[in-house]
């Protein structure tokens, strides 16, 4: 592809926003966080290659499932620059995140199932707390809900 053809295929930040459904500020944020890249043209305007649209789709889906931005950035860094992520790329990325999501689902399920019994903070203010936390032993582990959210 010639340089002229490549430049004509590039997208402005506004075009990326329109195509991805994201605000321009979100695109700038993702770029600042190292999740996507752009180049600057002669007029110092951002220009994005079209593969950024698939990368943004991956970011949006991953965020909806609760994957932290650092983990998304790490996963995207394994993809080759300058090409659209493939179905196989997505399979690999999503398989990597699956165990993390399963652990989070398990943790949330345990939290949900124990939610009405005790807040697990070691405050001894609820009748069942002395049974779960005699003599406020959990206070030695620090503040917060030690029983319900050990992570």
C-alpha atoms as a PDB file:
ATOM      1  CA  UNK A   1       0.000   0.000   0.000  1.00  0.00           C
ATOM      2  CA  UNK A   2       1.368   3.393  -0.922  1.00  0.00           C
ATOM      3  CA  UNK A   3       1.847   6.115   1.676  1.00  0.00           C
ATOM      4  CA  UNK A   4      -0.988   8.129   0.113  1.00  0.00           C
ATOM      5  CA  UNK A   5      -3.359   5.155   0.217  1.00  0.00           C
ATOM      6  CA  UNK A   6      -2.430   4.472   3.859  1.00  0.00           C
ATOM      7  CA  UNK A   7      -3.080   8.085   4.839  1.00  0.00           C
ATOM      8  CA  UNK A   8      -6.441   8.053   3.061  1.00  0.00           C
ATOM      9  CA  UNK A   9      -7.469   4.947   5.024  1.00  0.00           C
ATOM     10  CA  UNK A  10      -6.603   6.498   8.369  1.00  0.00           C
ATOM     11  CA  UNK A  11      -9.322   7.850  10.628  1.00  0.00           C
ATOM     12  CA  UNK A  12      -9.565  11.102  12.547  1.00  0.00           C
ATOM     13  CA  UNK A  13     -10.471  10.962  16.226  1.00  0.00           C
ATOM     14  CA  UNK A  14     -13.975  12.149  15.323  1.00  0.00           C
ATOM     15  CA  UNK A  15     -14.391   9.351  12.801  1.00  0.00           C
ATOM     16  CA  UNK A  16     -13.146   6.802  15.350  1.00  0.00           C
ATOM     17  CA  UNK A  17     -15.628   8.185  17.887  1.00  0.00           C
ATOM     18  CA  UNK A  18     -18.513   7.965  15.419  1.00  0.00           C
ATOM     19  CA  UNK A  19     -17.622   4.429  14.323  1.00  0.00           C
ATOM     20  CA  UNK A  20     -16.896   3.071  17.813  1.00  0.00           C
ATOM     21  CA  UNK A  21     -19.730   4.776  19.683  1.00  0.00           C
ATOM     22  CA  UNK A  22     -17.248   6.239  22.168  1.00  0.00           C
ATOM     23  CA  UNK A  23     -16.748   9.851  23.138  1.00  0.00           C
ATOM     24  CA  UNK A  24     -13.657  11.596  21.804  1.00  0.00           C
ATOM     25  CA  UNK A  25     -12.534  12.039  25.410  1.00  0.00           C
ATOM     26  CA  UNK A  26     -12.695   8.262  25.942  1.00  0.00           C
ATOM     27  CA  UNK A  27     -10.520   7.700  22.878  1.00  0.00           C
ATOM     28  CA  UNK A  28      -7.998  10.229  24.191  1.00  0.00           C
ATOM     29  CA  UNK A  29      -8.130   8.513  27.595  1.00  0.00           C
ATOM     30  CA  UNK A  30      -7.464   5.067  26.107  1.00  0.00           C
ATOM     31  CA  UNK A  31      -4.587   6.473  24.111  1.00  0.00           C
ATOM     32  CA  UNK A  32      -3.112   8.163  27.197  1.00  0.00           C
ATOM     33  CA  UNK A  33      -3.371   4.833  29.045  1.00  0.00           C
ATOM     34  CA  UNK A  34      -1.491   3.057  26.243  1.00  0.00           C
ATOM     35  CA  UNK A  35      -4.420   0.925  25.080  1.00  0.00           C
ATOM     36  CA  UNK A  36      -4.440   2.351  21.550  1.00  0.00           C
ATOM     37  CA  UNK A  37      -2.022   4.395  19.477  1.00  0.00           C
ATOM     38  CA  UNK A  38      -2.221   7.087  16.847  1.00  0.00           C
ATOM     39  CA  UNK A  39       0.183   9.092  14.784  1.00  0.00           C
ATOM     40  CA  UNK A  40       0.215  12.829  14.245  1.00  0.00           C
ATOM     41  CA  UNK A  41      -0.164  14.250  10.755  1.00  0.00           C
ATOM     42  CA  UNK A  42       1.558  17.384   9.442  1.00  0.00           C
ATOM     43  CA  UNK A  43      -1.147  19.514  11.070  1.00  0.00           C
ATOM     44  CA  UNK A  44      -0.486  17.765  14.437  1.00  0.00           C
ATOM     45  CA  UNK A  45      -3.877  16.008  14.329  1.00  0.00           C
ATOM     46  CA  UNK A  46      -4.296  12.440  15.543  1.00  0.00           C
ATOM     47  CA  UNK A  47      -4.727   9.805  12.866  1.00  0.00           C
ATOM     48  CA  UNK A  48      -5.697   6.242  13.710  1.00  0.00           C
ATOM     49  CA  UNK A  49      -5.285   3.129  11.624  1.00  0.00           C
ATOM     50  CA  UNK A  50      -8.515   1.226  11.104  1.00  0.00           C
ATOM     51  CA  UNK A  51      -7.450  -1.649  13.358  1.00  0.00           C
ATOM     52  CA  UNK A  52      -8.131   0.685  16.295  1.00  0.00           C
ATOM     53  CA  UNK A  53     -11.864   0.060  15.834  1.00  0.00           C
ATOM     54  CA  UNK A  54     -11.492  -3.650  16.654  1.00  0.00           C
ATOM     55  CA  UNK A  55      -9.180  -2.838  19.544  1.00  0.00           C
ATOM     56  CA  UNK A  56     -11.754  -0.426  20.948  1.00  0.00           C
ATOM     57  CA  UNK A  57     -14.443  -3.108  20.613  1.00  0.00           C
ATOM     58  CA  UNK A  58     -12.237  -5.485  22.604  1.00  0.00           C
ATOM     59  CA  UNK A  59     -11.683  -2.804  25.251  1.00  0.00           C
ATOM     60  CA  UNK A  60     -15.413  -2.126  25.561  1.00  0.00           C
ATOM     61  CA  UNK A  61     -16.318  -5.810  25.930  1.00  0.00           C
ATOM     62  CA  UNK A  62     -13.504  -6.447  28.387  1.00  0.00           C
ATOM     63  CA  UNK A  63     -14.505  -3.451  30.511  1.00  0.00           C
ATOM     64  CA  UNK A  64     -18.129  -4.581  30.575  1.00  0.00           C
ATOM     65  CA  UNK A  65     -16.996  -7.891  32.048  1.00  0.00           C
ATOM     66  CA  UNK A  66     -14.995  -6.078  34.708  1.00  0.00           C
ATOM     67  CA  UNK A  67     -11.484  -6.621  33.374  1.00  0.00           C
ATOM     68  CA  UNK A  68      -9.226  -3.850  34.739  1.00  0.00           C
ATOM     69  CA  UNK A  69      -7.609  -1.482  32.239  1.00  0.00           C
ATOM     70  CA  UNK A  70      -4.116  -2.674  33.208  1.00  0.00           C
ATOM     71  CA  UNK A  71      -5.061  -6.250  32.301  1.00  0.00           C
ATOM     72  CA  UNK A  72      -6.620  -5.068  29.030  1.00  0.00           C
ATOM     73  CA  UNK A  73      -3.476  -3.098  28.151  1.00  0.00           C
ATOM     74  CA  UNK A  74      -1.306  -6.116  28.940  1.00  0.00           C
ATOM     75  CA  UNK A  75      -3.445  -8.351  26.735  1.00  0.00           C
ATOM     76  CA  UNK A  76      -3.530  -5.863  23.856  1.00  0.00           C
ATOM     77  CA  UNK A  77       0.253  -5.551  24.015  1.00  0.00           C
ATOM     78  CA  UNK A  78       0.472  -9.185  22.885  1.00  0.00           C
ATOM     79  CA  UNK A  79      -1.218  -8.314  19.582  1.00  0.00           C
ATOM     80  CA  UNK A  80       0.859  -7.294  16.584  1.00  0.00           C
ATOM     81  CA  UNK A  81       0.765  -3.545  15.836  1.00  0.00           C
ATOM     82  CA  UNK A  82      -0.826  -2.366  12.640  1.00  0.00           C
ATOM     83  CA  UNK A  83      -3.208  -5.218  11.988  1.00  0.00           C
ATOM     84  CA  UNK A  84      -6.789  -5.817  12.955  1.00  0.00           C
ATOM     85  CA  UNK A  85      -7.134  -8.361  15.781  1.00  0.00           C
ATOM     86  CA  UNK A  86      -8.512 -11.622  14.441  1.00  0.00           C
ATOM     87  CA  UNK A  87     -11.032 -14.105  15.772  1.00  0.00           C
ATOM     88  CA  UNK A  88      -8.129 -16.233  16.968  1.00  0.00           C
ATOM     89  CA  UNK A  89      -6.649 -13.233  18.780  1.00  0.00           C
ATOM     90  CA  UNK A  90      -9.984 -12.725  20.541  1.00  0.00           C
ATOM     91  CA  UNK A  91     -10.180 -16.420  21.491  1.00  0.00           C
ATOM     92  CA  UNK A  92      -6.750 -16.216  23.052  1.00  0.00           C
ATOM     93  CA  UNK A  93      -7.480 -12.995  24.928  1.00  0.00           C
ATOM     94  CA  UNK A  94     -10.875 -14.140  26.191  1.00  0.00           C
ATOM     95  CA  UNK A  95      -9.511 -17.528  27.298  1.00  0.00           C
ATOM     96  CA  UNK A  96      -6.880 -15.697  29.326  1.00  0.00           C
ATOM     97  CA  UNK A  97      -9.578 -13.629  31.065  1.00  0.00           C
ATOM     98  CA  UNK A  98     -12.014 -16.512  31.607  1.00  0.00           C
ATOM     99  CA  UNK A  99     -10.386 -17.885  34.752  1.00  0.00           C
ATOM    100  CA  UNK A 100     -10.207 -14.404  36.252  1.00  0.00           C
ATOM    101  CA  UNK A 101     -13.893 -13.878  35.524  1.00  0.00           C
ATOM    102  CA  UNK A 102     -14.790 -17.296  36.958  1.00  0.00           C
ATOM    103  CA  UNK A 103     -12.949 -16.407  40.184  1.00  0.00           C
ATOM    104  CA  UNK A 104     -14.730 -13.052  40.360  1.00  0.00           C
ATOM    105  CA  UNK A 105     -18.116 -14.703  39.785  1.00  0.00           C
ATOM    106  CA  UNK A 106     -17.369 -17.234  42.533  1.00  0.00           C
ATOM    107  CA  UNK A 107     -16.345 -14.440  44.922  1.00  0.00           C
ATOM    108  CA  UNK A 108     -19.437 -12.380  44.131  1.00  0.00           C
ATOM    109  CA  UNK A 109     -21.673 -15.426  44.563  1.00  0.00           C
ATOM    110  CA  UNK A 110     -20.182 -16.074  48.012  1.00  0.00           C
ATOM    111  CA  UNK A 111     -20.638 -12.413  48.917  1.00  0.00           C
ATOM    112  CA  UNK A 112     -24.245 -12.475  47.757  1.00  0.00           C
ATOM    113  CA  UNK A 113     -25.027 -15.666  49.654  1.00  0.00           C
ATOM    114  CA  UNK A 114     -23.504 -14.370  52.910  1.00  0.00           C
ATOM    115  CA  UNK A 115     -24.687 -10.800  52.594  1.00  0.00           C
ATOM    116  CA  UNK A 116     -27.645 -10.959  54.978  1.00  0.00           C
ATOM    117  CA  UNK A 117     -25.881 -12.967  57.703  1.00  0.00           C
ATOM    118  CA  UNK A 118     -23.172 -10.579  58.807  1.00  0.00           C
ATOM    119  CA  UNK A 119     -21.242  -7.688  57.371  1.00  0.00           C
ATOM    120  CA  UNK A 120     -18.032  -9.461  58.376  1.00  0.00           C
ATOM    121  CA  UNK A 121     -16.304  -6.367  59.685  1.00  0.00           C
ATOM    122  CA  UNK A 122     -15.488  -7.582  63.181  1.00  0.00           C
ATOM    123  CA  UNK A 123     -17.621  -4.896  64.817  1.00  0.00           C
ATOM    124  CA  UNK A 124     -19.439  -7.364  67.103  1.00  0.00           C
ATOM    125  CA  UNK A 125     -22.599  -5.308  66.689  1.00  0.00           C
ATOM    126  CA  UNK A 126     -24.653  -8.084  65.110  1.00  0.00           C
ATOM    127  CA  UNK A 127     -25.661 -11.073  67.231  1.00  0.00           C
ATOM    128  CA  UNK A 128     -23.913 -13.603  65.002  1.00  0.00           C
ATOM    129  CA  UNK A 129     -20.579 -11.783  64.998  1.00  0.00           C
ATOM    130  CA  UNK A 130     -19.266 -13.199  68.299  1.00  0.00           C
ATOM    131  CA  UNK A 131     -19.623 -16.655  66.801  1.00  0.00           C
ATOM    132  CA  UNK A 132     -17.757 -15.721  63.632  1.00  0.00           C
ATOM    133  CA  UNK A 133     -15.268 -13.338  65.195  1.00  0.00           C
ATOM    134  CA  UNK A 134     -14.830 -14.074  68.918  1.00  0.00           C
ATOM    135  CA  UNK A 135     -12.891 -11.430  70.852  1.00  0.00           C
ATOM    136  CA  UNK A 136     -12.610  -9.335  67.687  1.00  0.00           C
ATOM    137  CA  UNK A 137      -9.702 -11.436  66.380  1.00  0.00           C
ATOM    138  CA  UNK A 138     -10.283 -10.136  62.861  1.00  0.00           C
ATOM    139  CA  UNK A 139      -9.199  -6.668  63.958  1.00  0.00           C
ATOM    140  CA  UNK A 140      -5.604  -7.928  63.793  1.00  0.00           C
ATOM    141  CA  UNK A 141      -6.026  -8.445  60.020  1.00  0.00           C
ATOM    142  CA  UNK A 142      -6.891  -4.809  59.417  1.00  0.00           C
ATOM    143  CA  UNK A 143      -9.980  -2.777  58.772  1.00  0.00           C
ATOM    144  CA  UNK A 144     -12.840  -3.619  56.472  1.00  0.00           C
ATOM    145  CA  UNK A 145     -15.042  -6.645  55.782  1.00  0.00           C
ATOM    146  CA  UNK A 146     -12.554  -9.426  56.541  1.00  0.00           C
ATOM    147  CA  UNK A 147     -14.991 -12.358  56.383  1.00  0.00           C
ATOM    148  CA  UNK A 148     -17.033 -11.512  53.333  1.00  0.00           C
ATOM    149  CA  UNK A 149     -14.347 -10.043  51.122  1.00  0.00           C
ATOM    150  CA  UNK A 150     -10.987 -11.600  52.003  1.00  0.00           C
ATOM    151  CA  UNK A 151      -9.453 -10.338  48.765  1.00  0.00           C
END
